[in-house]
Structure formats: structure tokens, C-alpha cells
């Protein structure tokens, strides 16, 4: 998600990982479609 955000002109604040295996990528800008698709694809 973070790499896709940067490649499409956005910025990444930080990544957060949780004990249960979940995670979040805090970003701003970029192309939502590429960013959204890139997680499971990546």
C-alpha cells in the first residue's frame, strides 16, 4: 500500500501492525484504485 501510494504521488505517514496480525497504512493522496488493489496483490 505504501509503495503504491508513493508511486502515484501520495505520501505515507506511518504503518501500524497489531498483535492479532492486522495492520494499517496511514497515507494521503495518490491513486486510490492502485493503492487499494496493491495490498493483497503485493
ModelCIF file with pLDDT and N, C-alpha, C, O atoms, coordinates in Angstrom:
data_MODEL
#
_entry.id   MODEL 
#
_entity.id                         1 
_entity.type                       polymer 
_entity.pdbx_number_of_molecules   1 
#
_entity_poly.entity_id                      1 
_entity_poly.type                           'polypeptide(L)' 
_entity_poly.nstd_linkage                   no 
_entity_poly.nstd_monomer                   no 
_entity_poly.pdbx_seq_one_letter_code       
;(UNK)(UNK)(UNK)(UNK)(UNK)(UNK)(UNK)(UNK)(UNK)(UNK)(UNK)(UNK)(UNK)(UNK)(UNK)(UNK)
(UNK)(UNK)(UNK)(UNK)(UNK)(UNK)(UNK)(UNK)(UNK)(UNK)(UNK)(UNK)(UNK)(UNK)(UNK)(UNK)
(UNK)(UNK)(UNK)(UNK)(UNK)(UNK)(UNK)(UNK)(UNK)(UNK)
;
_entity_poly.pdbx_seq_one_letter_code_can   XXXXXXXXXXXXXXXXXXXXXXXXXXXXXXXXXXXXXXXXXX 
_entity_poly.pdbx_strand_id                 A 
#
loop_
_entity_poly_seq.entity_id 
_entity_poly_seq.num 
_entity_poly_seq.mon_id 
_entity_poly_seq.hetero 
1 1  UNK n 
1 2  UNK n 
1 3  UNK n 
1 4  UNK n 
1 5  UNK n 
1 6  UNK n 
1 7  UNK n 
1 8  UNK n 
1 9  UNK n 
1 10 UNK n 
1 11 UNK n 
1 12 UNK n 
1 13 UNK n 
1 14 UNK n 
1 15 UNK n 
1 16 UNK n 
1 17 UNK n 
1 18 UNK n 
1 19 UNK n 
1 20 UNK n 
1 21 UNK n 
1 22 UNK n 
1 23 UNK n 
1 24 UNK n 
1 25 UNK n 
1 26 UNK n 
1 27 UNK n 
1 28 UNK n 
1 29 UNK n 
1 30 UNK n 
1 31 UNK n 
1 32 UNK n 
1 33 UNK n 
1 34 UNK n 
1 35 UNK n 
1 36 UNK n 
1 37 UNK n 
1 38 UNK n 
1 39 UNK n 
1 40 UNK n 
1 41 UNK n 
1 42 UNK n 
#
_struct_asym.id          A 
_struct_asym.entity_id   1 
#
loop_
_ma_qa_metric.id 
_ma_qa_metric.mode 
_ma_qa_metric.name 
_ma_qa_metric.software_group_id 
_ma_qa_metric.type 
1 global pLDDT . pLDDT 
2 local  pLDDT . pLDDT 
#
_ma_qa_metric_global.metric_id      1 
_ma_qa_metric_global.metric_value   94.62 
_ma_qa_metric_global.model_id       1 
_ma_qa_metric_global.ordinal_id     1 
#
loop_
_ma_qa_metric_local.label_asym_id 
_ma_qa_metric_local.label_comp_id 
_ma_qa_metric_local.label_seq_id 
_ma_qa_metric_local.metric_id 
_ma_qa_metric_local.metric_value 
_ma_qa_metric_local.model_id 
_ma_qa_metric_local.ordinal_id 
A UNK 1  2 96.00 1 1  
A UNK 2  2 96.00 1 2  
A UNK 3  2 96.00 1 3  
A UNK 4  2 97.00 1 4  
A UNK 5  2 97.00 1 5  
A UNK 6  2 97.00 1 6  
A UNK 7  2 97.00 1 7  
A UNK 8  2 96.00 1 8  
A UNK 9  2 96.00 1 9  
A UNK 10 2 97.00 1 10 
A UNK 11 2 96.00 1 11 
A UNK 12 2 96.00 1 12 
A UNK 13 2 96.00 1 13 
A UNK 14 2 96.00 1 14 
A UNK 15 2 96.00 1 15 
A UNK 16 2 96.00 1 16 
A UNK 17 2 95.00 1 17 
A UNK 18 2 93.00 1 18 
A UNK 19 2 89.00 1 19 
A UNK 20 2 84.00 1 20 
A UNK 21 2 83.00 1 21 
A UNK 22 2 87.00 1 22 
A UNK 23 2 93.00 1 23 
A UNK 24 2 94.00 1 24 
A UNK 25 2 95.00 1 25 
A UNK 26 2 95.00 1 26 
A UNK 27 2 93.00 1 27 
A UNK 28 2 94.00 1 28 
A UNK 29 2 95.00 1 29 
A UNK 30 2 95.00 1 30 
A UNK 31 2 96.00 1 31 
A UNK 32 2 95.00 1 32 
A UNK 33 2 96.00 1 33 
A UNK 34 2 96.00 1 34 
A UNK 35 2 96.00 1 35 
A UNK 36 2 95.00 1 36 
A UNK 37 2 96.00 1 37 
A UNK 38 2 96.00 1 38 
A UNK 39 2 95.00 1 39 
A UNK 40 2 95.00 1 40 
A UNK 41 2 96.00 1 41 
A UNK 42 2 96.00 1 42 
#
loop_
_atom_site.group_PDB 
_atom_site.id 
_atom_site.type_symbol 
_atom_site.label_atom_id 
_atom_site.label_alt_id 
_atom_site.label_comp_id 
_atom_site.label_asym_id 
_atom_site.label_entity_id 
_atom_site.label_seq_id 
_atom_site.pdbx_PDB_ins_code 
_atom_site.Cartn_x 
_atom_site.Cartn_y 
_atom_site.Cartn_z 
_atom_site.occupancy 
_atom_site.B_iso_or_equiv 
_atom_site.pdbx_formal_charge 
_atom_site.auth_seq_id 
_atom_site.auth_comp_id 
_atom_site.auth_asym_id 
_atom_site.auth_atom_id 
_atom_site.pdbx_PDB_model_num 
ATOM 1   N N  . UNK A 1 1  ? 0.842  -1.202  0.000  1.00 96.00 ? 1  UNK A N  1 
ATOM 2   C CA . UNK A 1 1  ? 0.000  0.000   0.000  1.00 96.00 ? 1  UNK A CA 1 
ATOM 3   C C  . UNK A 1 1  ? 0.880  1.256   0.000  1.00 96.00 ? 1  UNK A C  1 
ATOM 4   O O  . UNK A 1 1  ? 0.638  2.205   -0.746 1.00 96.00 ? 1  UNK A O  1 
ATOM 5   N N  . UNK A 1 2  ? 1.900  1.235   0.851  1.00 96.00 ? 2  UNK A N  1 
ATOM 6   C CA . UNK A 1 2  ? 2.777  2.391   0.969  1.00 96.00 ? 2  UNK A CA 1 
ATOM 7   C C  . UNK A 1 2  ? 3.534  2.680   -0.318 1.00 96.00 ? 2  UNK A C  1 
ATOM 8   O O  . UNK A 1 2  ? 3.621  3.829   -0.751 1.00 96.00 ? 2  UNK A O  1 
ATOM 9   N N  . UNK A 1 3  ? 4.086  1.623   -0.932 1.00 96.00 ? 3  UNK A N  1 
ATOM 10  C CA . UNK A 1 3  ? 4.833  1.797   -2.182 1.00 96.00 ? 3  UNK A CA 1 
ATOM 11  C C  . UNK A 1 3  ? 3.924  2.334   -3.286 1.00 96.00 ? 3  UNK A C  1 
ATOM 12  O O  . UNK A 1 3  ? 4.312  3.227   -4.040 1.00 96.00 ? 3  UNK A O  1 
ATOM 13  N N  . UNK A 1 4  ? 2.698  1.776   -3.377 1.00 97.00 ? 4  UNK A N  1 
ATOM 14  C CA . UNK A 1 4  ? 1.747  2.233   -4.386 1.00 97.00 ? 4  UNK A CA 1 
ATOM 15  C C  . UNK A 1 4  ? 1.380  3.699   -4.161 1.00 97.00 ? 4  UNK A C  1 
ATOM 16  O O  . UNK A 1 4  ? 1.208  4.459   -5.115 1.00 97.00 ? 4  UNK A O  1 
ATOM 17  N N  . UNK A 1 5  ? 1.264  4.082   -2.903 1.00 97.00 ? 5  UNK A N  1 
ATOM 18  C CA . UNK A 1 5  ? 0.959  5.482   -2.587 1.00 97.00 ? 5  UNK A CA 1 
ATOM 19  C C  . UNK A 1 5  ? 2.062  6.403   -3.090 1.00 97.00 ? 5  UNK A C  1 
ATOM 20  O O  . UNK A 1 5  ? 1.792  7.425   -3.720 1.00 97.00 ? 5  UNK A O  1 
ATOM 21  N N  . UNK A 1 6  ? 3.303  6.033   -2.807 1.00 97.00 ? 6  UNK A N  1 
ATOM 22  C CA . UNK A 1 6  ? 4.435  6.856   -3.242 1.00 97.00 ? 6  UNK A CA 1 
ATOM 23  C C  . UNK A 1 6  ? 4.539  6.903   -4.764 1.00 97.00 ? 6  UNK A C  1 
ATOM 24  O O  . UNK A 1 6  ? 4.814  7.958   -5.336 1.00 97.00 ? 6  UNK A O  1 
ATOM 25  N N  . UNK A 1 7  ? 4.319  5.763   -5.420 1.00 97.00 ? 7  UNK A N  1 
ATOM 26  C CA . UNK A 1 7  ? 4.432  5.702   -6.878 1.00 97.00 ? 7  UNK A CA 1 
ATOM 27  C C  . UNK A 1 7  ? 3.370  6.531   -7.587 1.00 97.00 ? 7  UNK A C  1 
ATOM 28  O O  . UNK A 1 7  ? 3.570  6.965   -8.721 1.00 97.00 ? 7  UNK A O  1 
ATOM 29  N N  . UNK A 1 8  ? 2.236  6.752   -6.916 1.00 96.00 ? 8  UNK A N  1 
ATOM 30  C CA . UNK A 1 8  ? 1.153  7.518   -7.537 1.00 96.00 ? 8  UNK A CA 1 
ATOM 31  C C  . UNK A 1 8  ? 1.067  8.941   -6.993 1.00 96.00 ? 8  UNK A C  1 
ATOM 32  O O  . UNK A 1 8  ? 0.043  9.610   -7.130 1.00 96.00 ? 8  UNK A O  1 
ATOM 33  N N  . UNK A 1 9  ? 2.155  9.391   -6.378 1.00 96.00 ? 9  UNK A N  1 
ATOM 34  C CA . UNK A 1 9  ? 2.237  10.786  -5.976 1.00 96.00 ? 9  UNK A CA 1 
ATOM 35  C C  . UNK A 1 9  ? 1.722  11.128  -4.596 1.00 96.00 ? 9  UNK A C  1 
ATOM 36  O O  . UNK A 1 9  ? 1.608  12.308  -4.262 1.00 96.00 ? 9  UNK A O  1 
ATOM 37  N N  . UNK A 1 10 ? 1.407  10.134  -3.784 1.00 97.00 ? 10 UNK A N  1 
ATOM 38  C CA . UNK A 1 10 ? 0.926  10.393  -2.436 1.00 97.00 ? 10 UNK A CA 1 
ATOM 39  C C  . UNK A 1 10 ? 2.047  10.352  -1.416 1.00 97.00 ? 10 UNK A C  1 
ATOM 40  O O  . UNK A 1 10 ? 3.219  10.237  -1.776 1.00 97.00 ? 10 UNK A O  1 
ATOM 41  N N  . UNK A 1 11 ? 1.694  10.444  -0.163 1.00 96.00 ? 11 UNK A N  1 
ATOM 42  C CA . UNK A 1 11 ? 2.677  10.394  0.920  1.00 96.00 ? 11 UNK A CA 1 
ATOM 43  C C  . UNK A 1 11 ? 2.183  9.447   2.004  1.00 96.00 ? 11 UNK A C  1 
ATOM 44  O O  . UNK A 1 11 ? 0.980  9.287   2.206  1.00 96.00 ? 11 UNK A O  1 
ATOM 45  N N  . UNK A 1 12 ? 3.127  8.823   2.694  1.00 96.00 ? 12 UNK A N  1 
ATOM 46  C CA . UNK A 1 12 ? 2.805  7.864   3.756  1.00 96.00 ? 12 UNK A CA 1 
ATOM 47  C C  . UNK A 1 12 ? 3.265  8.423   5.087  1.00 96.00 ? 12 UNK A C  1 
ATOM 48  O O  . UNK A 1 12 ? 4.414  8.838   5.236  1.00 96.00 ? 12 UNK A O  1 
ATOM 49  N N  . UNK A 1 13 ? 2.360  8.429   6.049  1.00 96.00 ? 13 UNK A N  1 
ATOM 50  C CA . UNK A 1 13 ? 2.696  8.902   7.398  1.00 96.00 ? 13 UNK A CA 1 
ATOM 51  C C  . UNK A 1 13 ? 3.402  7.814   8.179  1.00 96.00 ? 13 UNK A C  1 
ATOM 52  O O  . UNK A 1 13 ? 4.520  8.004   8.658  1.00 96.00 ? 13 UNK A O  1 
ATOM 53  N N  . UNK A 1 14 ? 2.732  6.650   8.308  1.00 96.00 ? 14 UNK A N  1 
ATOM 54  C CA . UNK A 1 14 ? 3.329  5.539   9.034  1.00 96.00 ? 14 UNK A CA 1 
ATOM 55  C C  . UNK A 1 14 ? 2.526  4.267   8.801  1.00 96.00 ? 14 UNK A C  1 
ATOM 56  O O  . UNK A 1 14 ? 1.406  4.302   8.290  1.00 96.00 ? 14 UNK A O  1 
ATOM 57  N N  . UNK A 1 15 ? 3.118  3.153   9.184  1.00 96.00 ? 15 UNK A N  1 
ATOM 58  C CA . UNK A 1 15 ? 2.478  1.845   9.135  1.00 96.00 ? 15 UNK A CA 1 
ATOM 59  C C  . UNK A 1 15 ? 2.273  1.361   10.567 1.00 96.00 ? 15 UNK A C  1 
ATOM 60  O O  . UNK A 1 15 ? 3.123  1.567   11.433 1.00 96.00 ? 15 UNK A O  1 
ATOM 61  N N  . UNK A 1 16 ? 1.148  0.725   10.800 1.00 96.00 ? 16 UNK A N  1 
ATOM 62  C CA . UNK A 1 16 ? 0.859  0.206   12.132 1.00 96.00 ? 16 UNK A CA 1 
ATOM 63  C C  . UNK A 1 16 ? 0.511  -1.277  12.039 1.00 96.00 ? 16 UNK A C  1 
ATOM 64  O O  . UNK A 1 16 ? -0.353 -1.668  11.254 1.00 96.00 ? 16 UNK A O  1 
ATOM 65  N N  . UNK A 1 17 ? 1.179  -2.095  12.837 1.00 95.00 ? 17 UNK A N  1 
ATOM 66  C CA . UNK A 1 17 ? 0.915  -3.531  12.901 1.00 95.00 ? 17 UNK A CA 1 
ATOM 67  C C  . UNK A 1 17 ? 0.391  -3.878  14.286 1.00 95.00 ? 17 UNK A C  1 
ATOM 68  O O  . UNK A 1 17 ? 0.802  -3.280  15.280 1.00 95.00 ? 17 UNK A O  1 
ATOM 69  N N  . UNK A 1 18 ? -0.526 -4.854  14.351 1.00 93.00 ? 18 UNK A N  1 
ATOM 70  C CA . UNK A 1 18 ? -1.169 -5.216  15.606 1.00 93.00 ? 18 UNK A CA 1 
ATOM 71  C C  . UNK A 1 18 ? -0.854 -6.660  15.981 1.00 93.00 ? 18 UNK A C  1 
ATOM 72  O O  . UNK A 1 18 ? -0.459 -7.461  15.134 1.00 93.00 ? 18 UNK A O  1 
ATOM 73  N N  . UNK A 1 19 ? -1.032 -6.978  17.244 1.00 89.00 ? 19 UNK A N  1 
ATOM 74  C CA . UNK A 1 19 ? -0.737 -8.313  17.756 1.00 89.00 ? 19 UNK A CA 1 
ATOM 75  C C  . UNK A 1 19 ? -1.551 -9.397  17.065 1.00 89.00 ? 19 UNK A C  1 
ATOM 76  O O  . UNK A 1 19 ? -1.065 -10.515 16.890 1.00 89.00 ? 19 UNK A O  1 
ATOM 77  N N  . UNK A 1 20 ? -2.791 -9.084  16.667 1.00 84.00 ? 20 UNK A N  1 
ATOM 78  C CA . UNK A 1 20 ? -3.661 -10.103 16.066 1.00 84.00 ? 20 UNK A CA 1 
ATOM 79  C C  . UNK A 1 20 ? -3.375 -10.345 14.585 1.00 84.00 ? 20 UNK A C  1 
ATOM 80  O O  . UNK A 1 20 ? -4.071 -11.125 13.935 1.00 84.00 ? 20 UNK A O  1 
ATOM 81  N N  . UNK A 1 21 ? -2.345 -9.674  14.051 1.00 83.00 ? 21 UNK A N  1 
ATOM 82  C CA . UNK A 1 21 ? -1.981 -9.877  12.655 1.00 83.00 ? 21 UNK A CA 1 
ATOM 83  C C  . UNK A 1 21 ? -2.585 -8.871  11.705 1.00 83.00 ? 21 UNK A C  1 
ATOM 84  O O  . UNK A 1 21 ? -2.343 -8.940  10.500 1.00 83.00 ? 21 UNK A O  1 
ATOM 85  N N  . UNK A 1 22 ? -3.367 -7.934  12.218 1.00 87.00 ? 22 UNK A N  1 
ATOM 86  C CA . UNK A 1 22 ? -3.945 -6.892  11.377 1.00 87.00 ? 22 UNK A CA 1 
ATOM 87  C C  . UNK A 1 22 ? -2.939 -5.759  11.187 1.00 87.00 ? 22 UNK A C  1 
ATOM 88  O O  . UNK A 1 22 ? -1.906 -5.719  11.855 1.00 87.00 ? 22 UNK A O  1 
ATOM 89  N N  . UNK A 1 23 ? -3.244 -4.848  10.281 1.00 93.00 ? 23 UNK A N  1 
ATOM 90  C CA . UNK A 1 23 ? -2.342 -3.728  10.054 1.00 93.00 ? 23 UNK A CA 1 
ATOM 91  C C  . UNK A 1 23 ? -3.032 -2.591  9.332  1.00 93.00 ? 23 UNK A C  1 
ATOM 92  O O  . UNK A 1 23 ? -4.110 -2.759  8.762  1.00 93.00 ? 23 UNK A O  1 
ATOM 93  N N  . UNK A 1 24 ? -2.400 -1.435  9.363  1.00 94.00 ? 24 UNK A N  1 
ATOM 94  C CA . UNK A 1 24 ? -2.934 -0.247  8.693  1.00 94.00 ? 24 UNK A CA 1 
ATOM 95  C C  . UNK A 1 24 ? -1.776 0.544   8.087  1.00 94.00 ? 24 UNK A C  1 
ATOM 96  O O  . UNK A 1 24 ? -0.673 0.575   8.634  1.00 94.00 ? 24 UNK A O  1 
ATOM 97  N N  . UNK A 1 25 ? -2.044 1.175   6.958  1.00 95.00 ? 25 UNK A N  1 
ATOM 98  C CA . UNK A 1 25 ? -1.087 2.089   6.339  1.00 95.00 ? 25 UNK A CA 1 
ATOM 99  C C  . UNK A 1 25 ? -1.756 3.462   6.284  1.00 95.00 ? 25 UNK A C  1 
ATOM 100 O O  . UNK A 1 25 ? -2.786 3.632   5.633  1.00 95.00 ? 25 UNK A O  1 
ATOM 101 N N  . UNK A 1 26 ? -1.172 4.420   6.960  1.00 95.00 ? 26 UNK A N  1 
ATOM 102 C CA . UNK A 1 26 ? -1.741 5.764   7.012  1.00 95.00 ? 26 UNK A CA 1 
ATOM 103 C C  . UNK A 1 26 ? -1.106 6.613   5.909  1.00 95.00 ? 26 UNK A C  1 
ATOM 104 O O  . UNK A 1 26 ? 0.087  6.913   5.951  1.00 95.00 ? 26 UNK A O  1 
ATOM 105 N N  . UNK A 1 27 ? -1.915 6.990   4.930  1.00 93.00 ? 27 UNK A N  1 
ATOM 106 C CA . UNK A 1 27 ? -1.384 7.707   3.771  1.00 93.00 ? 27 UNK A CA 1 
ATOM 107 C C  . UNK A 1 27 ? -2.312 8.836   3.358  1.00 93.00 ? 27 UNK A C  1 
ATOM 108 O O  . UNK A 1 27 ? -3.442 8.954   3.832  1.00 93.00 ? 27 UNK A O  1 
ATOM 109 N N  . UNK A 1 28 ? -1.798 9.655   2.465  1.00 94.00 ? 28 UNK A N  1 
ATOM 110 C CA . UNK A 1 28 ? -2.562 10.784  1.951  1.00 94.00 ? 28 UNK A CA 1 
ATOM 111 C C  . UNK A 1 28 ? -2.234 10.967  0.482  1.00 94.00 ? 28 UNK A C  1 
ATOM 112 O O  . UNK A 1 28 ? -1.071 10.899  0.083  1.00 94.00 ? 28 UNK A O  1 
ATOM 113 N N  . UNK A 1 29 ? -3.268 11.201  -0.328 1.00 95.00 ? 29 UNK A N  1 
ATOM 114 C CA . UNK A 1 29 ? -3.050 11.400  -1.751 1.00 95.00 ? 29 UNK A CA 1 
ATOM 115 C C  . UNK A 1 29 ? -2.815 10.091  -2.476 1.00 95.00 ? 29 UNK A C  1 
ATOM 116 O O  . UNK A 1 29 ? -3.038 9.013   -1.926 1.00 95.00 ? 29 UNK A O  1 
ATOM 117 N N  . UNK A 1 30 ? -2.360 10.197  -3.725 1.00 95.00 ? 30 UNK A N  1 
ATOM 118 C CA . UNK A 1 30 ? -2.140 9.005   -4.534 1.00 95.00 ? 30 UNK A CA 1 
ATOM 119 C C  . UNK A 1 30 ? -3.406 8.562   -5.240 1.00 95.00 ? 30 UNK A C  1 
ATOM 120 O O  . UNK A 1 30 ? -4.466 9.167   -5.083 1.00 95.00 ? 30 UNK A O  1 
ATOM 121 N N  . UNK A 1 31 ? -3.282 7.496   -6.023 1.00 96.00 ? 31 UNK A N  1 
ATOM 122 C CA . UNK A 1 31 ? -4.421 6.966   -6.796 1.00 96.00 ? 31 UNK A CA 1 
ATOM 123 C C  . UNK A 1 31 ? -5.091 5.858   -5.979 1.00 96.00 ? 31 UNK A C  1 
ATOM 124 O O  . UNK A 1 31 ? -4.499 4.795   -5.795 1.00 96.00 ? 31 UNK A O  1 
ATOM 125 N N  . UNK A 1 32 ? -6.309 6.082   -5.487 1.00 95.00 ? 32 UNK A N  1 
ATOM 126 C CA . UNK A 1 32 ? -6.981 5.117   -4.601 1.00 95.00 ? 32 UNK A CA 1 
ATOM 127 C C  . UNK A 1 32 ? -7.099 3.710   -5.173 1.00 95.00 ? 32 UNK A C  1 
ATOM 128 O O  . UNK A 1 32 ? -6.972 2.729   -4.440 1.00 95.00 ? 32 UNK A O  1 
ATOM 129 N N  . UNK A 1 33 ? -7.343 3.604   -6.483 1.00 96.00 ? 33 UNK A N  1 
ATOM 130 C CA . UNK A 1 33 ? -7.541 2.275   -7.074 1.00 96.00 ? 33 UNK A CA 1 
ATOM 131 C C  . UNK A 1 33 ? -6.255 1.455   -6.998 1.00 96.00 ? 33 UNK A C  1 
ATOM 132 O O  . UNK A 1 33 ? -6.279 0.297   -6.579 1.00 96.00 ? 33 UNK A O  1 
ATOM 133 N N  . UNK A 1 34 ? -5.147 2.046   -7.397 1.00 96.00 ? 34 UNK A N  1 
ATOM 134 C CA . UNK A 1 34 ? -3.881 1.321   -7.351 1.00 96.00 ? 34 UNK A CA 1 
ATOM 135 C C  . UNK A 1 34 ? -3.481 1.025   -5.909 1.00 96.00 ? 34 UNK A C  1 
ATOM 136 O O  . UNK A 1 34 ? -2.990 -0.060  -5.599 1.00 96.00 ? 34 UNK A O  1 
ATOM 137 N N  . UNK A 1 35 ? -3.699 2.001   -5.036 1.00 96.00 ? 35 UNK A N  1 
ATOM 138 C CA . UNK A 1 35 ? -3.338 1.815   -3.624 1.00 96.00 ? 35 UNK A CA 1 
ATOM 139 C C  . UNK A 1 35 ? -4.163 0.693   -3.010 1.00 96.00 ? 35 UNK A C  1 
ATOM 140 O O  . UNK A 1 35 ? -3.625 -0.171  -2.318 1.00 96.00 ? 35 UNK A O  1 
ATOM 141 N N  . UNK A 1 36 ? -5.468 0.707   -3.261 1.00 95.00 ? 36 UNK A N  1 
ATOM 142 C CA . UNK A 1 36 ? -6.343 -0.312  -2.691 1.00 95.00 ? 36 UNK A CA 1 
ATOM 143 C C  . UNK A 1 36 ? -6.069 -1.703  -3.218 1.00 95.00 ? 36 UNK A C  1 
ATOM 144 O O  . UNK A 1 36 ? -6.127 -2.678  -2.469 1.00 95.00 ? 36 UNK A O  1 
ATOM 145 N N  . UNK A 1 37 ? -5.767 -1.802  -4.512 1.00 96.00 ? 37 UNK A N  1 
ATOM 146 C CA . UNK A 1 37 ? -5.538 -3.115  -5.120 1.00 96.00 ? 37 UNK A CA 1 
ATOM 147 C C  . UNK A 1 37 ? -4.180 -3.686  -4.759 1.00 96.00 ? 37 UNK A C  1 
ATOM 148 O O  . UNK A 1 37 ? -3.994 -4.902  -4.768 1.00 96.00 ? 37 UNK A O  1 
ATOM 149 N N  . UNK A 1 38 ? -3.232 -2.818  -4.441 1.00 96.00 ? 38 UNK A N  1 
ATOM 150 C CA . UNK A 1 38 ? -1.841 -3.248  -4.273 1.00 96.00 ? 38 UNK A CA 1 
ATOM 151 C C  . UNK A 1 38 ? -1.597 -4.088  -3.022 1.00 96.00 ? 38 UNK A C  1 
ATOM 152 O O  . UNK A 1 38 ? -0.631 -4.850  -2.986 1.00 96.00 ? 38 UNK A O  1 
ATOM 153 N N  . UNK A 1 39 ? -2.437 -3.974  -2.003 1.00 95.00 ? 39 UNK A N  1 
ATOM 154 C CA . UNK A 1 39 ? -2.173 -4.672  -0.737 1.00 95.00 ? 39 UNK A CA 1 
ATOM 155 C C  . UNK A 1 39 ? -2.092 -6.178  -0.885 1.00 95.00 ? 39 UNK A C  1 
ATOM 156 O O  . UNK A 1 39 ? -1.041 -6.770  -0.642 1.00 95.00 ? 39 UNK A O  1 
ATOM 157 N N  . UNK A 1 40 ? -3.197 -6.808  -1.285 1.00 95.00 ? 40 UNK A N  1 
ATOM 158 C CA . UNK A 1 40 ? -3.218 -8.263  -1.440 1.00 95.00 ? 40 UNK A CA 1 
ATOM 159 C C  . UNK A 1 40 ? -2.389 -8.702  -2.636 1.00 95.00 ? 40 UNK A C  1 
ATOM 160 O O  . UNK A 1 40 ? -1.770 -9.765  -2.612 1.00 95.00 ? 40 UNK A O  1 
ATOM 161 N N  . UNK A 1 41 ? -2.377 -7.873  -3.696 1.00 96.00 ? 41 UNK A N  1 
ATOM 162 C CA . UNK A 1 41 ? -1.538 -8.180  -4.845 1.00 96.00 ? 41 UNK A CA 1 
ATOM 163 C C  . UNK A 1 41 ? -0.067 -8.211  -4.435 1.00 96.00 ? 41 UNK A C  1 
ATOM 164 O O  . UNK A 1 41 ? 0.660  -9.145  -4.775 1.00 96.00 ? 41 UNK A O  1 
ATOM 165 N N  . UNK A 1 42 ? 0.366  -7.184  -3.704 1.00 96.00 ? 42 UNK A N  1 
ATOM 166 C CA . UNK A 1 42 ? 1.762  -7.105  -3.286 1.00 96.00 ? 42 UNK A CA 1 
ATOM 167 C C  . UNK A 1 42 ? 2.164  -8.235  -2.360 1.00 96.00 ? 42 UNK A C  1 
ATOM 168 O O  . UNK A 1 42 ? 3.314  -8.298  -1.926 1.00 96.00 ? 42 UNK A O  1 
#
